[in-house]
Amino acid sequence: MTAGSPRVFHQLRVQAVIPEAADACSLVFDVPHELAGAFAYQPGQFLTLRIPSDRDGSVARCYSMCSSPLTGDPLTVTVKQTPGGYASHWIAANVRPGTVLDVLPPAGMFVPSSLDDDYLLLAAGSGITPVMSILKSVLAAGSGRVVLVYANRDERSVIFGPVLKDLAAGAGSRLLVVHWLDVLQGLPAGPQLVPLIRPFRACRIYASGPDPFLSAVREAASAVGVPPRGVRVERFLSLQHNPFDVAEPVAAGVAAMLEVTLDGETRSLPWPAGTRMLDVLIDAELDPPFSCREGICGACACQLTGGKVEMASNEVLDDADLADGYILACQSVALTPEVSVSYE
């Protein structure tokens, strides 16, 4: 693969389309045996789908898995129709059992560190999708307890309502589900979330949903003494470019030598000026983790241990990550003649 090449994708057949709420449905994929390895995933990850478009040829959208890799569930993503959202409306109108879609392998960093920890999961709207994957995985294969705070506009907007009810009934004291309905309680804001977060501030806190909701969660968590790194978030953002297409070349940075530690091995590689770090690693036939190539998913994150780089885009690493030296390989070009990074 050379610099600027599109991602390697696969075609998957939709096995079933399941209505989940008034404006949401789940797509169940049939993964053939020969692709089982390519589509092995962790709880909380997502798939990137190619959606046909008369105007642009195609667009790419990321949808989280609601299924768990630990329960025998088939690979399933959930799609909520958004106002003016071309891809989500196309899926609702056109995808049926038997539809074949182009799909990139699973990616994402919104993954639980241990299934035996206790979790406070907070979700708003379709943010419940990766949270469901984590929740089901903890209950099925771990020993931790889970508290879920789930915000929606109204009852009709609640995705997975019956499933959550059944899970709560079967899990006993291991699962507590708290519903927040905007029509009754108003939009969730920091002060209103404080009483819900305070009793569980010692848990691992994961939050998923639109930016205003995530800001409210961070504000509430900070108010009860949770440090910024204590809240793991998943943001839903539109891709600026299509990872299924050939990327435009980047003209920036300087030529450098790249020292990379990956899979227990350290290599030194020439790094041409203007080339993204990820392409250097791929061209050297290493196997770096990556997915979206857009600075959105965080799959290609590594730690800068020497030298300096510049990132063209970053929508996933927060200030604490940057302070710890984390960078996105898909967005980085060299600013110094020597750069070293580690994936360990």
C-alpha atoms as a PDB file:
ATOM      1  CA  MET A   1       0.000   0.000   0.000  1.00  0.00           C
ATOM      2  CA  THR A   2       1.419   3.410  -0.931  1.00  0.00           C
ATOM      3  CA  ALA A   3       0.799   6.811   0.596  1.00  0.00           C
ATOM      4  CA  GLY A   4      -2.632   8.129  -0.239  1.00  0.00           C
ATOM      5  CA  SER A   5      -4.159   4.680  -0.817  1.00  0.00           C
ATOM      6  CA  PRO A   6      -7.728   4.027   0.335  1.00  0.00           C
ATOM      7  CA  ARG A   7      -8.457   1.616   3.166  1.00  0.00           C
ATOM      8  CA  VAL A   8      -8.963  -2.094   2.522  1.00  0.00           C
ATOM      9  CA  PHE A   9     -12.664  -2.821   2.945  1.00  0.00           C
ATOM     10  CA  HIS A  10     -14.916  -5.852   2.717  1.00  0.00           C
ATOM     11  CA  GLN A  11     -18.458  -6.454   1.544  1.00  0.00           C
ATOM     12  CA  LEU A  12     -20.944  -7.705   4.123  1.00  0.00           C
ATOM     13  CA  ARG A  13     -24.524  -8.816   3.568  1.00  0.00           C
ATOM     14  CA  VAL A  14     -27.232  -7.464   5.834  1.00  0.00           C
ATOM     15  CA  GLN A  15     -28.931 -10.429   7.473  1.00  0.00           C
ATOM     16  CA  ALA A  16     -31.722  -8.518   9.210  1.00  0.00           C
ATOM     17  CA  VAL A  17     -33.021  -4.992   9.862  1.00  0.00           C
ATOM     18  CA  ILE A  18     -34.491  -4.559  13.345  1.00  0.00           C
ATOM     19  CA  PRO A  19     -36.629  -1.513  14.291  1.00  0.00           C
ATOM     20  CA  GLU A  20     -35.389  -0.193  17.649  1.00  0.00           C
ATOM     21  CA  ALA A  21     -37.308   3.082  18.090  1.00  0.00           C
ATOM     22  CA  ALA A  22     -39.379   5.511  16.054  1.00  0.00           C
ATOM     23  CA  ASP A  23     -36.287   6.779  14.232  1.00  0.00           C
ATOM     24  CA  ALA A  24     -33.696   4.046  14.758  1.00  0.00           C
ATOM     25  CA  CYS A  25     -32.941   0.580  13.444  1.00  0.00           C
ATOM     26  CA  SER A  26     -30.205  -2.027  13.823  1.00  0.00           C
ATOM     27  CA  LEU A  27     -28.419  -3.712  10.927  1.00  0.00           C
ATOM     28  CA  VAL A  28     -27.407  -7.310  11.591  1.00  0.00           C
ATOM     29  CA  PHE A  29     -24.514  -8.403   9.376  1.00  0.00           C
ATOM     30  CA  ASP A  30     -23.716 -11.872   8.106  1.00  0.00           C
ATOM     31  CA  VAL A  31     -19.949 -12.243   8.542  1.00  0.00           C
ATOM     32  CA  PRO A  32     -18.598 -15.192   6.517  1.00  0.00           C
ATOM     33  CA  HIS A  33     -16.142 -17.506   8.205  1.00  0.00           C
ATOM     34  CA  GLU A  34     -13.193 -16.239   6.136  1.00  0.00           C
ATOM     35  CA  LEU A  35     -13.767 -12.673   7.425  1.00  0.00           C
ATOM     36  CA  ALA A  36     -14.267 -13.588  11.080  1.00  0.00           C
ATOM     37  CA  GLY A  37     -10.765 -12.419  11.975  1.00  0.00           C
ATOM     38  CA  ALA A  38     -11.100  -9.132  10.093  1.00  0.00           C
ATOM     39  CA  PHE A  39     -14.318  -8.321  11.944  1.00  0.00           C
ATOM     40  CA  ALA A  40     -13.309  -9.441  15.419  1.00  0.00           C
ATOM     41  CA  TYR A  41     -14.020  -6.459  17.674  1.00  0.00           C
ATOM     42  CA  GLN A  42     -13.981  -5.153  21.213  1.00  0.00           C
ATOM     43  CA  PRO A  43     -16.998  -3.832  23.152  1.00  0.00           C
ATOM     44  CA  GLY A  44     -17.591  -0.165  22.312  1.00  0.00           C
ATOM     45  CA  GLN A  45     -16.041  -0.138  18.828  1.00  0.00           C
ATOM     46  CA  PHE A  46     -17.641   0.902  15.536  1.00  0.00           C
ATOM     47  CA  LEU A  47     -17.830   0.081  11.836  1.00  0.00           C
ATOM     48  CA  THR A  48     -17.441   2.507   8.934  1.00  0.00           C
ATOM     49  CA  LEU A  49     -19.961   1.980   6.119  1.00  0.00           C
ATOM     50  CA  ARG A  50     -19.891   3.275   2.553  1.00  0.00           C
ATOM     51  CA  ILE A  51     -23.243   4.769   1.535  1.00  0.00           C
ATOM     52  CA  PRO A  52     -23.989   5.396  -2.191  1.00  0.00           C
ATOM     53  CA  SER A  53     -24.543   9.024  -3.172  1.00  0.00           C
ATOM     54  CA  ASP A  54     -25.681  10.416  -6.533  1.00  0.00           C
ATOM     55  CA  ARG A  55     -23.886  13.686  -5.803  1.00  0.00           C
ATOM     56  CA  ASP A  56     -20.554  12.461  -4.399  1.00  0.00           C
ATOM     57  CA  GLY A  57     -20.380   8.838  -5.531  1.00  0.00           C
ATOM     58  CA  SER A  58     -20.395   7.731  -1.910  1.00  0.00           C
ATOM     59  CA  VAL A  59     -20.140   8.979   1.647  1.00  0.00           C
ATOM     60  CA  ALA A  60     -18.682   7.208   4.680  1.00  0.00           C
ATOM     61  CA  ARG A  61     -20.336   7.054   8.085  1.00  0.00           C
ATOM     62  CA  CYS A  62     -19.320   5.414  11.362  1.00  0.00           C
ATOM     63  CA  TYR A  63     -21.876   3.417  13.358  1.00  0.00           C
ATOM     64  CA  SER A  64     -21.183   1.743  16.697  1.00  0.00           C
ATOM     65  CA  MET A  65     -21.848  -1.886  17.449  1.00  0.00           C
ATOM     66  CA  CYS A  66     -24.667  -2.542  19.896  1.00  0.00           C
ATOM     67  CA  SER A  67     -23.798  -6.235  19.900  1.00  0.00           C
ATOM     68  CA  SER A  68     -21.296  -7.838  22.251  1.00  0.00           C
ATOM     69  CA  PRO A  69     -18.415  -9.991  21.003  1.00  0.00           C
ATOM     70  CA  LEU A  70     -18.760 -12.056  24.194  1.00  0.00           C
ATOM     71  CA  THR A  71     -22.386 -13.191  24.026  1.00  0.00           C
ATOM     72  CA  GLY A  72     -22.584 -14.876  20.632  1.00  0.00           C
ATOM     73  CA  ASP A  73     -24.495 -11.942  19.145  1.00  0.00           C
ATOM     74  CA  PRO A  74     -24.154 -11.470  15.388  1.00  0.00           C
ATOM     75  CA  LEU A  75     -22.290  -8.323  14.376  1.00  0.00           C
ATOM     76  CA  THR A  76     -24.861  -5.524  14.716  1.00  0.00           C
ATOM     77  CA  VAL A  77     -24.758  -1.729  14.389  1.00  0.00           C
ATOM     78  CA  THR A  78     -27.516   0.734  15.201  1.00  0.00           C
ATOM     79  CA  VAL A  79     -28.413   3.721  13.032  1.00  0.00           C
ATOM     80  CA  LYS A  80     -30.509   6.655  14.232  1.00  0.00           C
ATOM     81  CA  GLN A  81     -31.954   9.024  11.649  1.00  0.00           C
ATOM     82  CA  THR A  82     -30.674  12.549  12.204  1.00  0.00           C
ATOM     83  CA  PRO A  83     -32.263  15.752  10.843  1.00  0.00           C
ATOM     84  CA  GLY A  84     -30.774  16.319   7.397  1.00  0.00           C
ATOM     85  CA  GLY A  85     -28.622  13.224   7.748  1.00  0.00           C
ATOM     86  CA  TYR A  86     -28.246  11.787   4.243  1.00  0.00           C
ATOM     87  CA  ALA A  87     -26.671   8.455   5.207  1.00  0.00           C
ATOM     88  CA  SER A  88     -29.012   7.572   8.063  1.00  0.00           C
ATOM     89  CA  HIS A  89     -32.082   8.361   5.944  1.00  0.00           C
ATOM     90  CA  TRP A  90     -30.684   6.393   2.985  1.00  0.00           C
ATOM     91  CA  ILE A  91     -30.163   3.377   5.229  1.00  0.00           C
ATOM     92  CA  ALA A  92     -33.707   3.607   6.604  1.00  0.00           C
ATOM     93  CA  ALA A  93     -35.178   3.879   3.108  1.00  0.00           C
ATOM     94  CA  ASN A  94     -33.011   1.409   1.215  1.00  0.00           C
ATOM     95  CA  VAL A  95     -31.314  -1.224   3.372  1.00  0.00           C
ATOM     96  CA  ARG A  96     -33.173  -4.503   3.586  1.00  0.00           C
ATOM     97  CA  PRO A  97     -32.178  -8.097   4.383  1.00  0.00           C
ATOM     98  CA  GLY A  98     -29.865  -9.150   1.563  1.00  0.00           C
ATOM     99  CA  THR A  99     -28.425  -5.662   0.953  1.00  0.00           C
ATOM    100  CA  VAL A 100     -24.630  -5.761   0.544  1.00  0.00           C
ATOM    101  CA  LEU A 101     -22.590  -2.870   1.941  1.00  0.00           C
ATOM    102  CA  ASP A 102     -18.904  -1.940   1.812  1.00  0.00           C
ATOM    103  CA  VAL A 103     -17.551  -2.003   5.369  1.00  0.00           C
ATOM    104  CA  LEU A 104     -14.212  -1.150   6.980  1.00  0.00           C
ATOM    105  CA  PRO A 105     -12.986  -3.374   9.840  1.00  0.00           C
ATOM    106  CA  PRO A 106     -13.896  -2.443  13.438  1.00  0.00           C
ATOM    107  CA  ALA A 107     -12.080   0.442  15.110  1.00  0.00           C
ATOM    108  CA  GLY A 108     -12.342   2.838  18.030  1.00  0.00           C
ATOM    109  CA  MET A 109     -10.913   3.433  21.512  1.00  0.00           C
ATOM    110  CA  PHE A 110     -14.142   3.595  23.535  1.00  0.00           C
ATOM    111  CA  VAL A 111     -13.343   0.200  25.014  1.00  0.00           C
ATOM    112  CA  PRO A 112     -13.568  -0.919  28.664  1.00  0.00           C
ATOM    113  CA  SER A 113     -10.213  -1.481  30.342  1.00  0.00           C
ATOM    114  CA  SER A 114     -11.546  -4.430  32.353  1.00  0.00           C
ATOM    115  CA  LEU A 115     -14.871  -6.223  32.452  1.00  0.00           C
ATOM    116  CA  ASP A 116     -14.419  -6.803  36.179  1.00  0.00           C
ATOM    117  CA  ASP A 117     -14.501  -3.094  37.113  1.00  0.00           C
ATOM    118  CA  ASP A 118     -17.627  -1.197  38.174  1.00  0.00           C
ATOM    119  CA  TYR A 119     -18.926   1.219  35.529  1.00  0.00           C
ATOM    120  CA  LEU A 120     -21.010   4.361  35.401  1.00  0.00           C
ATOM    121  CA  LEU A 121     -22.209   4.601  31.814  1.00  0.00           C
ATOM    122  CA  LEU A 122     -23.907   7.776  30.602  1.00  0.00           C
ATOM    123  CA  ALA A 123     -25.563   7.991  27.193  1.00  0.00           C
ATOM    124  CA  ALA A 124     -27.788  10.381  25.289  1.00  0.00           C
ATOM    125  CA  GLY A 125     -29.835   9.375  22.235  1.00  0.00           C
ATOM    126  CA  SER A 126     -27.934   7.103  19.878  1.00  0.00           C
ATOM    127  CA  GLY A 127     -24.961   7.345  22.235  1.00  0.00           C
ATOM    128  CA  ILE A 128     -26.511   4.285  23.864  1.00  0.00           C
ATOM    129  CA  THR A 129     -25.211   2.084  21.029  1.00  0.00           C
ATOM    130  CA  PRO A 130     -21.554   1.558  22.090  1.00  0.00           C
ATOM    131  CA  VAL A 131     -22.667   1.705  25.718  1.00  0.00           C
ATOM    132  CA  MET A 132     -24.968  -1.265  25.095  1.00  0.00           C
ATOM    133  CA  SER A 133     -22.034  -3.262  23.766  1.00  0.00           C
ATOM    134  CA  ILE A 134     -20.010  -2.477  26.896  1.00  0.00           C
ATOM    135  CA  LEU A 135     -22.939  -3.088  29.242  1.00  0.00           C
ATOM    136  CA  LYS A 136     -23.788  -6.485  27.772  1.00  0.00           C
ATOM    137  CA  SER A 137     -20.130  -7.514  27.772  1.00  0.00           C
ATOM    138  CA  VAL A 138     -19.579  -6.610  31.441  1.00  0.00           C
ATOM    139  CA  LEU A 139     -22.713  -8.497  32.487  1.00  0.00           C
ATOM    140  CA  ALA A 140     -21.919 -11.547  30.349  1.00  0.00           C
ATOM    141  CA  ALA A 141     -18.200 -12.006  30.886  1.00  0.00           C
ATOM    142  CA  GLY A 142     -17.160  -9.841  33.831  1.00  0.00           C
ATOM    143  CA  SER A 143     -17.901  -9.411  37.505  1.00  0.00           C
ATOM    144  CA  GLY A 144     -18.397  -5.645  37.599  1.00  0.00           C
ATOM    145  CA  ARG A 145     -21.564  -3.729  38.391  1.00  0.00           C
ATOM    146  CA  VAL A 146     -23.062  -1.230  35.942  1.00  0.00           C
ATOM    147  CA  VAL A 147     -25.077   1.945  36.444  1.00  0.00           C
ATOM    148  CA  LEU A 148     -26.583   3.360  33.250  1.00  0.00           C
ATOM    149  CA  VAL A 149     -27.913   6.909  32.990  1.00  0.00           C
ATOM    150  CA  TYR A 150     -29.730   7.213  29.672  1.00  0.00           C
ATOM    151  CA  ALA A 151     -31.086  10.550  28.390  1.00  0.00           C
ATOM    152  CA  ASN A 152     -33.670  10.899  25.604  1.00  0.00           C
ATOM    153  CA  ARG A 153     -36.146  13.446  24.334  1.00  0.00           C
ATOM    154  CA  ASP A 154     -39.184  11.332  25.244  1.00  0.00           C
ATOM    155  CA  GLU A 155     -40.259   7.708  25.662  1.00  0.00           C
ATOM    156  CA  ARG A 156     -40.641   7.166  21.916  1.00  0.00           C
ATOM    157  CA  SER A 157     -36.980   8.095  21.462  1.00  0.00           C
ATOM    158  CA  VAL A 158     -35.643   5.425  23.826  1.00  0.00           C
ATOM    159  CA  ILE A 159     -33.566   2.904  21.878  1.00  0.00           C
ATOM    160  CA  PHE A 160     -33.312  -0.624  23.309  1.00  0.00           C
ATOM    161  CA  GLY A 161     -36.016   0.050  25.924  1.00  0.00           C
ATOM    162  CA  PRO A 162     -37.305  -3.556  26.114  1.00  0.00           C
ATOM    163  CA  VAL A 163     -33.765  -4.982  25.957  1.00  0.00           C
ATOM    164  CA  LEU A 164     -32.629  -2.797  28.850  1.00  0.00           C
ATOM    165  CA  LYS A 165     -35.664  -3.834  30.872  1.00  0.00           C
ATOM    166  CA  ASP A 166     -34.889  -7.507  30.315  1.00  0.00           C
ATOM    167  CA  LEU A 167     -31.200  -7.053  31.115  1.00  0.00           C
ATOM    168  CA  ALA A 168     -32.019  -5.233  34.349  1.00  0.00           C
ATOM    169  CA  ALA A 169     -34.460  -7.955  35.362  1.00  0.00           C
ATOM    170  CA  GLY A 170     -31.900 -10.684  34.732  1.00  0.00           C
ATOM    171  CA  ALA A 171     -28.875  -8.926  36.237  1.00  0.00           C
ATOM    172  CA  GLY A 172     -30.386  -8.101  39.618  1.00  0.00           C
ATOM    173  CA  SER A 173     -28.168  -5.807  41.692  1.00  0.00           C
ATOM    174  CA  ARG A 174     -25.439  -5.771  39.030  1.00  0.00           C
ATOM    175  CA  LEU A 175     -27.369  -3.353  36.774  1.00  0.00           C
ATOM    176  CA  LEU A 176     -29.196  -0.138  37.599  1.00  0.00           C
ATOM    177  CA  VAL A 177     -30.844   1.755  34.728  1.00  0.00           C
ATOM    178  CA  VAL A 178     -31.846   5.412  35.232  1.00  0.00           C
ATOM    179  CA  HIS A 179     -33.854   7.027  32.417  1.00  0.00           C
ATOM    180  CA  TRP A 180     -33.777  10.793  31.846  1.00  0.00           C
ATOM    181  CA  LEU A 181     -36.550  12.242  29.634  1.00  0.00           C
ATOM    182  CA  ASP A 182     -36.087  15.815  28.429  1.00  0.00           C
ATOM    183  CA  VAL A 183     -39.846  16.427  28.167  1.00  0.00           C
ATOM    184  CA  LEU A 184     -40.146  15.787  31.902  1.00  0.00           C
ATOM    185  CA  GLN A 185     -36.789  16.855  33.323  1.00  0.00           C
ATOM    186  CA  GLY A 186     -35.422  19.312  30.780  1.00  0.00           C
ATOM    187  CA  LEU A 187     -32.126  18.967  28.949  1.00  0.00           C
ATOM    188  CA  PRO A 188     -29.479  17.316  31.163  1.00  0.00           C
ATOM    189  CA  ALA A 189     -27.015  19.944  32.403  1.00  0.00           C
ATOM    190  CA  GLY A 190     -24.030  19.709  34.709  1.00  0.00           C
ATOM    191  CA  PRO A 191     -25.746  20.680  37.983  1.00  0.00           C
ATOM    192  CA  GLN A 192     -28.626  18.283  37.309  1.00  0.00           C
ATOM    193  CA  LEU A 193     -26.254  15.383  36.657  1.00  0.00           C
ATOM    194  CA  VAL A 194     -24.190  15.907  39.819  1.00  0.00           C
ATOM    195  CA  PRO A 195     -26.548  13.888  42.095  1.00  0.00           C
ATOM    196  CA  LEU A 196     -26.491  11.014  39.595  1.00  0.00           C
ATOM    197  CA  ILE A 197     -22.705  10.933  39.288  1.00  0.00           C
ATOM    198  CA  ARG A 198     -21.650  11.636  42.897  1.00  0.00           C
ATOM    199  CA  PRO A 199     -22.562   8.201  44.373  1.00  0.00           C
ATOM    200  CA  PHE A 200     -20.659   6.449  41.560  1.00  0.00           C
ATOM    201  CA  ARG A 201     -17.639   8.723  41.131  1.00  0.00           C
ATOM    202  CA  ALA A 202     -15.296   5.876  42.086  1.00  0.00           C
ATOM    203  CA  CYS A 203     -16.531   3.808  39.121  1.00  0.00           C
ATOM    204  CA  ARG A 204     -14.996   3.903  35.663  1.00  0.00           C
ATOM    205  CA  ILE A 205     -17.031   6.570  33.871  1.00  0.00           C
ATOM    206  CA  TYR A 206     -17.802   6.259  30.168  1.00  0.00           C
ATOM    207  CA  ALA A 207     -20.048   8.744  28.349  1.00  0.00           C
ATOM    208  CA  SER A 208     -21.369   8.760  24.787  1.00  0.00           C
ATOM    209  CA  GLY A 209     -23.552  11.224  22.915  1.00  0.00           C
ATOM    210  CA  PRO A 210     -23.647  14.727  21.435  1.00  0.00           C
ATOM    211  CA  ASP A 211     -21.136  17.343  22.545  1.00  0.00           C
ATOM    212  CA  PRO A 212     -23.522  19.355  24.815  1.00  0.00           C
ATOM    213  CA  PHE A 213     -24.312  16.182  26.756  1.00  0.00           C
ATOM    214  CA  LEU A 214     -20.637  15.253  27.061  1.00  0.00           C
ATOM    215  CA  SER A 215     -19.834  18.769  28.283  1.00  0.00           C
ATOM    216  CA  ALA A 216     -22.537  18.423  30.935  1.00  0.00           C
ATOM    217  CA  VAL A 217     -21.122  15.077  32.040  1.00  0.00           C
ATOM    218  CA  ARG A 218     -17.603  16.490  32.297  1.00  0.00           C
ATOM    219  CA  GLU A 219     -18.864  19.491  34.274  1.00  0.00           C
ATOM    220  CA  ALA A 220     -20.760  17.283  36.722  1.00  0.00           C
ATOM    221  CA  ALA A 221     -17.875  14.838  37.091  1.00  0.00           C
ATOM    222  CA  SER A 222     -15.445  17.669  37.795  1.00  0.00           C
ATOM    223  CA  ALA A 223     -17.825  19.087  40.411  1.00  0.00           C
ATOM    224  CA  VAL A 224     -17.662  15.830  42.398  1.00  0.00           C
ATOM    225  CA  GLY A 225     -13.880  15.519  42.152  1.00  0.00           C
ATOM    226  CA  VAL A 226     -13.406  13.265  39.122  1.00  0.00           C
ATOM    227  CA  PRO A 227     -10.255  14.297  37.171  1.00  0.00           C
ATOM    228  CA  PRO A 228     -10.577  14.957  33.411  1.00  0.00           C
ATOM    229  CA  ARG A 229      -8.893  11.650  32.558  1.00  0.00           C
ATOM    230  CA  GLY A 230     -11.504   9.914  34.729  1.00  0.00           C
ATOM    231  CA  VAL A 231     -14.220  10.396  32.097  1.00  0.00           C
ATOM    232  CA  ARG A 232     -13.864   8.456  28.843  1.00  0.00           C
ATOM    233  CA  VAL A 233     -16.025   9.869  26.049  1.00  0.00           C
ATOM    234  CA  GLU A 234     -17.194   8.831  22.598  1.00  0.00           C
ATOM    235  CA  ARG A 235     -18.086  11.693  20.254  1.00  0.00           C
ATOM    236  CA  PHE A 236     -20.216  11.215  17.163  1.00  0.00           C
ATOM    237  CA  LEU A 237     -18.669  13.299  14.375  1.00  0.00           C
ATOM    238  CA  SER A 238     -19.059  13.322  10.603  1.00  0.00           C
ATOM    239  CA  LEU A 239     -16.011  12.317   8.560  1.00  0.00           C
ATOM    240  CA  GLN A 240     -14.539  15.210   6.612  1.00  0.00           C
ATOM    241  CA  HIS A 241     -13.123  12.904   3.924  1.00  0.00           C
ATOM    242  CA  ASN A 242     -14.068   9.506   2.613  1.00  0.00           C
ATOM    243  CA  PRO A 243     -11.634   6.785   3.822  1.00  0.00           C
ATOM    244  CA  PHE A 244     -12.845   4.559   0.974  1.00  0.00           C
ATOM    245  CA  ASP A 245     -11.355   7.033  -1.518  1.00  0.00           C
ATOM    246  CA  VAL A 246      -7.726   7.911  -2.264  1.00  0.00           C
ATOM    247  CA  ALA A 247      -6.553  10.619   0.115  1.00  0.00           C
ATOM    248  CA  GLU A 248      -5.067  13.862  -1.157  1.00  0.00           C
ATOM    249  CA  PRO A 249      -1.288  14.122  -0.670  1.00  0.00           C
ATOM    250  CA  VAL A 250      -0.093  16.320   2.172  1.00  0.00           C
ATOM    251  CA  ALA A 251       2.607  18.928   1.599  1.00  0.00           C
ATOM    252  CA  ALA A 252       3.981  19.829   5.038  1.00  0.00           C
ATOM    253  CA  GLY A 253       6.629  18.895   7.544  1.00  0.00           C
ATOM    254  CA  VAL A 254      10.286  17.922   7.087  1.00  0.00           C
ATOM    255  CA  ALA A 255      12.131  14.745   6.137  1.00  0.00           C
ATOM    256  CA  ALA A 256      12.987  12.697   9.201  1.00  0.00           C
ATOM    257  CA  MET A 257      14.051   9.347  10.611  1.00  0.00           C
ATOM    258  CA  LEU A 258      11.218   7.659  12.453  1.00  0.00           C
ATOM    259  CA  GLU A 259      11.956   5.237  15.281  1.00  0.00           C
ATOM    260  CA  VAL A 260       8.845   3.205  16.070  1.00  0.00           C
ATOM    261  CA  THR A 261       8.244   0.571  18.742  1.00  0.00           C
ATOM    262  CA  LEU A 262       5.373  -1.690  17.686  1.00  0.00           C
ATOM    263  CA  ASP A 263       4.493  -5.251  18.691  1.00  0.00           C
ATOM    264  CA  GLY A 264       7.642  -5.520  20.805  1.00  0.00           C
ATOM    265  CA  GLU A 265      10.000  -4.541  17.981  1.00  0.00           C
ATOM    266  CA  THR A 266      11.786  -1.248  17.368  1.00  0.00           C
ATOM    267  CA  ARG A 267      12.479  -0.132  13.772  1.00  0.00           C
ATOM    268  CA  SER A 268      14.063   2.954  12.215  1.00  0.00           C
ATOM    269  CA  LEU A 269      12.390   4.182   9.035  1.00  0.00           C
ATOM    270  CA  PRO A 270      13.018   7.064   6.629  1.00  0.00           C
ATOM    271  CA  TRP A 271      10.109   9.507   6.810  1.00  0.00           C
ATOM    272  CA  PRO A 272       9.691  11.641   3.652  1.00  0.00           C
ATOM    273  CA  ALA A 273       8.580  15.227   4.122  1.00  0.00           C
ATOM    274  CA  GLY A 274       4.836  15.702   3.762  1.00  0.00           C
ATOM    275  CA  THR A 275       3.979  12.033   4.326  1.00  0.00           C
ATOM    276  CA  ARG A 276       1.662  11.041   7.133  1.00  0.00           C
ATOM    277  CA  MET A 277       3.280   8.822   9.750  1.00  0.00           C
ATOM    278  CA  LEU A 278       0.670   6.111   9.247  1.00  0.00           C
ATOM    279  CA  ASP A 279       1.586   5.755   5.573  1.00  0.00           C
ATOM    280  CA  VAL A 280       5.268   5.408   6.470  1.00  0.00           C
ATOM    281  CA  LEU A 281       4.436   2.517   8.801  1.00  0.00           C
ATOM    282  CA  ILE A 282       2.157   0.814   6.281  1.00  0.00           C
ATOM    283  CA  ASP A 283       4.672   1.172   3.448  1.00  0.00           C
ATOM    284  CA  ALA A 284       7.269  -0.494   5.708  1.00  0.00           C
ATOM    285  CA  GLU A 285       4.876  -3.471   5.927  1.00  0.00           C
ATOM    286  CA  LEU A 286       4.333  -3.003   9.633  1.00  0.00           C
ATOM    287  CA  ASP A 287       0.850  -3.576  11.028  1.00  0.00           C
ATOM    288  CA  PRO A 288      -0.146  -0.346  12.787  1.00  0.00           C
ATOM    289  CA  PRO A 289      -3.705  -0.021  14.122  1.00  0.00           C
ATOM    290  CA  PHE A 290      -5.872   2.454  12.212  1.00  0.00           C
ATOM    291  CA  SER A 291      -9.339   2.955  10.785  1.00  0.00           C
ATOM    292  CA  CYS A 292     -10.841   6.271   9.725  1.00  0.00           C
ATOM    293  CA  ARG A 293      -7.699   8.204   8.608  1.00  0.00           C
ATOM    294  CA  GLU A 294      -9.603  11.359   9.609  1.00  0.00           C
ATOM    295  CA  GLY A 295      -8.381  12.032  13.146  1.00  0.00           C
ATOM    296  CA  ILE A 296     -11.786  11.071  14.492  1.00  0.00           C
ATOM    297  CA  CYS A 297     -11.680   7.448  15.666  1.00  0.00           C
ATOM    298  CA  GLY A 298      -8.409   7.405  17.622  1.00  0.00           C
ATOM    299  CA  ALA A 299      -7.551   3.895  16.458  1.00  0.00           C
ATOM    300  CA  CYS A 300      -4.073   4.974  15.287  1.00  0.00           C
ATOM    301  CA  ALA A 301      -3.071   6.769  18.511  1.00  0.00           C
ATOM    302  CA  CYS A 302       0.491   6.242  19.718  1.00  0.00           C
ATOM    303  CA  GLN A 303       2.801   8.002  22.166  1.00  0.00           C
ATOM    304  CA  LEU A 304       5.428  10.464  21.006  1.00  0.00           C
ATOM    305  CA  THR A 305       8.633   9.697  22.896  1.00  0.00           C
ATOM    306  CA  GLY A 306      11.028  11.966  21.010  1.00  0.00           C
ATOM    307  CA  GLY A 307      10.983  14.828  18.509  1.00  0.00           C
ATOM    308  CA  LYS A 308       8.006  16.870  17.363  1.00  0.00           C
ATOM    309  CA  VAL A 309       5.131  16.359  14.942  1.00  0.00           C
ATOM    310  CA  GLU A 310       2.222  18.387  13.697  1.00  0.00           C
ATOM    311  CA  MET A 311      -1.285  16.941  13.409  1.00  0.00           C
ATOM    312  CA  ALA A 312      -3.468  18.145  10.563  1.00  0.00           C
ATOM    313  CA  SER A 313      -6.625  17.249  12.481  1.00  0.00           C
ATOM    314  CA  ASN A 314      -7.581  15.927  15.903  1.00  0.00           C
ATOM    315  CA  GLU A 315     -11.142  15.307  17.034  1.00  0.00           C
ATOM    316  CA  VAL A 316     -10.509  12.551  19.568  1.00  0.00           C
ATOM    317  CA  LEU A 317      -7.486  13.285  21.781  1.00  0.00           C
ATOM    318  CA  ASP A 318      -8.234  15.659  24.652  1.00  0.00           C
ATOM    319  CA  ASP A 319      -5.843  18.014  26.459  1.00  0.00           C
ATOM    320  CA  ALA A 320      -4.844  15.321  28.950  1.00  0.00           C
ATOM    321  CA  ASP A 321      -4.006  12.900  26.127  1.00  0.00           C
ATOM    322  CA  LEU A 322      -1.912  15.541  24.372  1.00  0.00           C
ATOM    323  CA  ALA A 323      -0.116  16.378  27.603  1.00  0.00           C
ATOM    324  CA  ASP A 324       0.812  12.705  27.926  1.00  0.00           C
ATOM    325  CA  GLY A 325       2.347  12.787  24.446  1.00  0.00           C
ATOM    326  CA  TYR A 326      -0.339  10.945  22.497  1.00  0.00           C
ATOM    327  CA  ILE A 327      -0.629  11.692  18.780  1.00  0.00           C
ATOM    328  CA  LEU A 328      -2.587  10.373  15.813  1.00  0.00           C
ATOM    329  CA  ALA A 329      -0.389   8.620  13.269  1.00  0.00           C
ATOM    330  CA  CYS A 330      -2.865   9.228  10.445  1.00  0.00           C
ATOM    331  CA  GLN A 331      -2.636  13.002  10.952  1.00  0.00           C
ATOM    332  CA  SER A 332       1.028  13.506  11.878  1.00  0.00           C
ATOM    333  CA  VAL A 333       3.894  14.893   9.819  1.00  0.00           C
ATOM    334  CA  ALA A 334       7.425  15.417  11.169  1.00  0.00           C
ATOM    335  CA  LEU A 335       8.628  18.793  12.405  1.00  0.00           C
ATOM    336  CA  THR A 336      12.080  17.602  13.555  1.00  0.00           C
ATOM    337  CA  PRO A 337      14.702  15.463  11.751  1.00  0.00           C
ATOM    338  CA  GLU A 338      14.297  12.664  14.327  1.00  0.00           C
ATOM    339  CA  VAL A 339      11.027  11.404  15.745  1.00  0.00           C
ATOM    340  CA  SER A 340      10.325   8.390  17.961  1.00  0.00           C
ATOM    341  CA  VAL A 341       6.954   6.877  18.872  1.00  0.00           C
ATOM    342  CA  SER A 342       5.733   3.865  20.798  1.00  0.00           C
ATOM    343  CA  TYR A 343       2.602   1.726  20.503  1.00  0.00           C
ATOM    344  CA  GLU A 344       3.492  -0.322  23.599  1.00  0.00           C
END
